[in-house]
């Protein structure tokens, strides 16, 4: 599965992130999700058991 915004491959954690109200999958990588999260308040359900150390990055610019 790929990010709808930047076309990166999604991790298992990213691909299971759902909107709480609609139940729809967001299909956004963590970088794109974090960029819109500041502007739009989205309540999500996340599978934290699928989180990998690659899913947690302090500086997203290093990943590019």
N, C-alpha and C. Protein backbone atom coordinates (compact mmCIF):
# COMPACT_ATOMS: atom_id res chain seq x y z
N UNK A 1 0.85 -1.17 0.00
CA UNK A 1 0.00 0.00 0.00
C UNK A 1 0.90 1.24 0.00
N UNK A 2 0.44 2.30 -0.64
CA UNK A 2 1.25 3.51 -0.79
C UNK A 2 0.51 4.72 -0.24
N UNK A 3 1.30 5.72 0.19
CA UNK A 3 0.75 6.97 0.72
C UNK A 3 0.02 7.71 -0.40
N UNK A 4 -1.17 8.19 -0.10
CA UNK A 4 -1.95 8.92 -1.10
C UNK A 4 -1.34 10.27 -1.45
N UNK A 5 -0.55 10.84 -0.55
CA UNK A 5 0.02 12.17 -0.78
C UNK A 5 1.38 12.13 -1.48
N UNK A 6 2.28 11.25 -1.03
CA UNK A 6 3.65 11.27 -1.56
C UNK A 6 4.06 9.98 -2.26
N UNK A 7 3.21 8.98 -2.25
CA UNK A 7 3.43 7.71 -2.94
C UNK A 7 4.51 6.82 -2.32
N UNK A 8 4.88 7.05 -1.07
CA UNK A 8 5.83 6.16 -0.38
C UNK A 8 5.12 4.89 0.03
N UNK A 9 5.88 3.81 0.16
CA UNK A 9 5.33 2.57 0.72
C UNK A 9 4.95 2.81 2.17
N UNK A 10 3.80 2.31 2.58
CA UNK A 10 3.36 2.44 3.96
C UNK A 10 3.84 1.25 4.78
N UNK A 11 4.20 1.50 6.03
CA UNK A 11 4.53 0.42 6.95
C UNK A 11 3.22 -0.22 7.42
N UNK A 12 3.33 -1.34 8.11
CA UNK A 12 2.13 -1.98 8.66
C UNK A 12 1.39 -1.01 9.58
N UNK A 13 2.14 -0.30 10.40
CA UNK A 13 1.54 0.67 11.32
C UNK A 13 0.78 1.76 10.56
N UNK A 14 1.42 2.34 9.55
CA UNK A 14 0.79 3.43 8.79
C UNK A 14 -0.44 2.95 8.03
N UNK A 15 -0.38 1.75 7.51
CA UNK A 15 -1.49 1.26 6.69
C UNK A 15 -2.70 0.84 7.50
N UNK A 16 -2.58 0.78 8.83
CA UNK A 16 -3.73 0.41 9.66
C UNK A 16 -4.32 1.60 10.40
N UNK A 17 -3.86 2.81 10.13
CA UNK A 17 -4.39 4.02 10.78
C UNK A 17 -5.76 4.35 10.19
N UNK A 18 -6.79 4.42 11.07
CA UNK A 18 -8.16 4.68 10.64
C UNK A 18 -8.71 5.96 11.26
N UNK A 19 -9.59 6.59 10.55
CA UNK A 19 -10.34 7.73 11.09
C UNK A 19 -11.36 7.16 12.06
N UNK A 20 -11.42 7.70 13.26
CA UNK A 20 -12.30 7.15 14.29
C UNK A 20 -13.78 7.27 13.93
N UNK A 21 -14.19 8.41 13.39
CA UNK A 21 -15.61 8.63 13.10
C UNK A 21 -16.11 7.85 11.89
N UNK A 22 -15.32 7.79 10.84
CA UNK A 22 -15.77 7.16 9.60
C UNK A 22 -15.34 5.71 9.47
N UNK A 23 -14.27 5.32 10.17
CA UNK A 23 -13.73 3.97 10.06
C UNK A 23 -12.92 3.76 8.80
N UNK A 24 -12.70 4.82 8.02
CA UNK A 24 -11.93 4.70 6.79
C UNK A 24 -10.43 4.78 7.08
N UNK A 25 -9.66 4.02 6.31
CA UNK A 25 -8.21 4.08 6.44
C UNK A 25 -7.71 5.38 5.83
N UNK A 26 -6.71 6.00 6.47
CA UNK A 26 -6.19 7.27 5.98
C UNK A 26 -5.19 7.10 4.85
N UNK A 27 -4.46 6.01 4.84
CA UNK A 27 -3.48 5.73 3.78
C UNK A 27 -2.49 6.88 3.59
N UNK A 28 -1.96 7.38 4.69
CA UNK A 28 -0.92 8.41 4.68
C UNK A 28 0.28 7.93 5.46
N UNK A 29 1.48 8.22 4.95
CA UNK A 29 2.69 7.89 5.71
C UNK A 29 2.77 8.82 6.93
N UNK A 30 3.62 8.49 7.85
CA UNK A 30 3.73 9.30 9.07
C UNK A 30 4.11 10.75 8.78
N UNK A 31 4.99 10.95 7.81
CA UNK A 31 5.42 12.32 7.48
C UNK A 31 4.23 13.14 6.99
N UNK A 32 3.49 12.63 6.04
CA UNK A 32 2.34 13.36 5.49
C UNK A 32 1.24 13.51 6.54
N UNK A 33 1.01 12.48 7.33
CA UNK A 33 0.01 12.55 8.39
C UNK A 33 0.38 13.63 9.41
N UNK A 34 1.64 13.69 9.81
CA UNK A 34 2.07 14.70 10.78
C UNK A 34 1.96 16.11 10.21
N UNK A 35 2.17 16.27 8.92
CA UNK A 35 2.04 17.60 8.30
C UNK A 35 0.61 18.10 8.33
N UNK A 36 -0.36 17.24 8.08
CA UNK A 36 -1.75 17.70 8.10
C UNK A 36 -2.33 17.72 9.50
N UNK A 37 -1.77 16.92 10.39
CA UNK A 37 -2.27 16.85 11.77
C UNK A 37 -2.22 18.22 12.44
N UNK A 38 -1.24 19.04 12.11
CA UNK A 38 -1.12 20.37 12.71
C UNK A 38 -2.24 21.29 12.25
N UNK A 39 -2.74 21.08 11.03
CA UNK A 39 -3.77 21.96 10.47
C UNK A 39 -5.19 21.45 10.70
N UNK A 40 -5.35 20.15 10.68
CA UNK A 40 -6.67 19.54 10.78
C UNK A 40 -6.67 18.58 11.96
N UNK A 41 -7.62 18.74 12.84
CA UNK A 41 -7.68 17.83 13.99
C UNK A 41 -8.39 16.55 13.58
N UNK A 42 -7.62 15.48 13.46
CA UNK A 42 -8.16 14.18 13.07
C UNK A 42 -7.99 13.21 14.23
N UNK A 43 -9.08 12.57 14.61
CA UNK A 43 -9.01 11.56 15.65
C UNK A 43 -8.88 10.20 14.96
N UNK A 44 -7.83 9.47 15.32
CA UNK A 44 -7.57 8.21 14.64
C UNK A 44 -7.45 7.05 15.61
N UNK A 45 -7.64 5.87 15.05
CA UNK A 45 -7.35 4.62 15.75
C UNK A 45 -6.04 4.11 15.16
N UNK A 46 -5.10 3.75 16.01
CA UNK A 46 -3.80 3.28 15.53
C UNK A 46 -3.44 1.97 16.21
N UNK A 47 -2.78 1.11 15.48
CA UNK A 47 -2.31 -0.16 16.01
C UNK A 47 -0.89 0.03 16.53
N UNK A 48 -0.76 0.47 17.76
CA UNK A 48 0.55 0.74 18.33
C UNK A 48 1.40 -0.52 18.44
N UNK A 49 0.76 -1.69 18.47
CA UNK A 49 1.52 -2.93 18.52
C UNK A 49 2.30 -3.18 17.23
N UNK A 50 1.96 -2.47 16.16
CA UNK A 50 2.66 -2.61 14.88
C UNK A 50 3.74 -1.55 14.69
N UNK A 51 3.92 -0.68 15.66
CA UNK A 51 4.90 0.38 15.56
C UNK A 51 6.31 -0.19 15.55
N UNK A 52 7.11 0.31 14.65
CA UNK A 52 8.52 -0.07 14.52
C UNK A 52 9.34 1.19 14.75
N UNK A 53 10.59 1.06 15.09
CA UNK A 53 11.42 2.24 15.35
C UNK A 53 11.49 3.16 14.13
N UNK A 54 11.33 2.61 12.92
CA UNK A 54 11.32 3.45 11.72
C UNK A 54 10.07 4.33 11.64
N UNK A 55 9.01 3.97 12.37
CA UNK A 55 7.79 4.76 12.38
C UNK A 55 7.91 6.00 13.25
N UNK A 56 8.92 6.04 14.10
CA UNK A 56 9.11 7.17 15.01
C UNK A 56 10.38 7.89 14.62
N UNK A 57 10.23 9.05 13.99
CA UNK A 57 11.38 9.83 13.57
C UNK A 57 11.25 11.25 14.10
N UNK A 58 12.32 11.77 14.63
CA UNK A 58 12.31 13.12 15.16
C UNK A 58 12.42 14.14 14.03
N UNK A 59 13.30 13.88 13.09
CA UNK A 59 13.55 14.82 12.01
C UNK A 59 13.15 14.18 10.68
N UNK A 60 11.97 14.52 10.16
CA UNK A 60 11.48 13.93 8.93
C UNK A 60 12.34 14.33 7.73
N UNK A 61 13.03 15.45 7.78
CA UNK A 61 13.83 15.91 6.65
C UNK A 61 14.99 14.95 6.35
N UNK A 62 15.49 14.24 7.33
CA UNK A 62 16.57 13.29 7.11
C UNK A 62 16.13 12.11 6.27
N UNK A 63 14.84 11.84 6.25
CA UNK A 63 14.31 10.68 5.54
C UNK A 63 14.23 10.90 4.03
N UNK A 64 14.33 12.10 3.56
CA UNK A 64 14.16 12.39 2.14
C UNK A 64 15.38 12.13 1.33
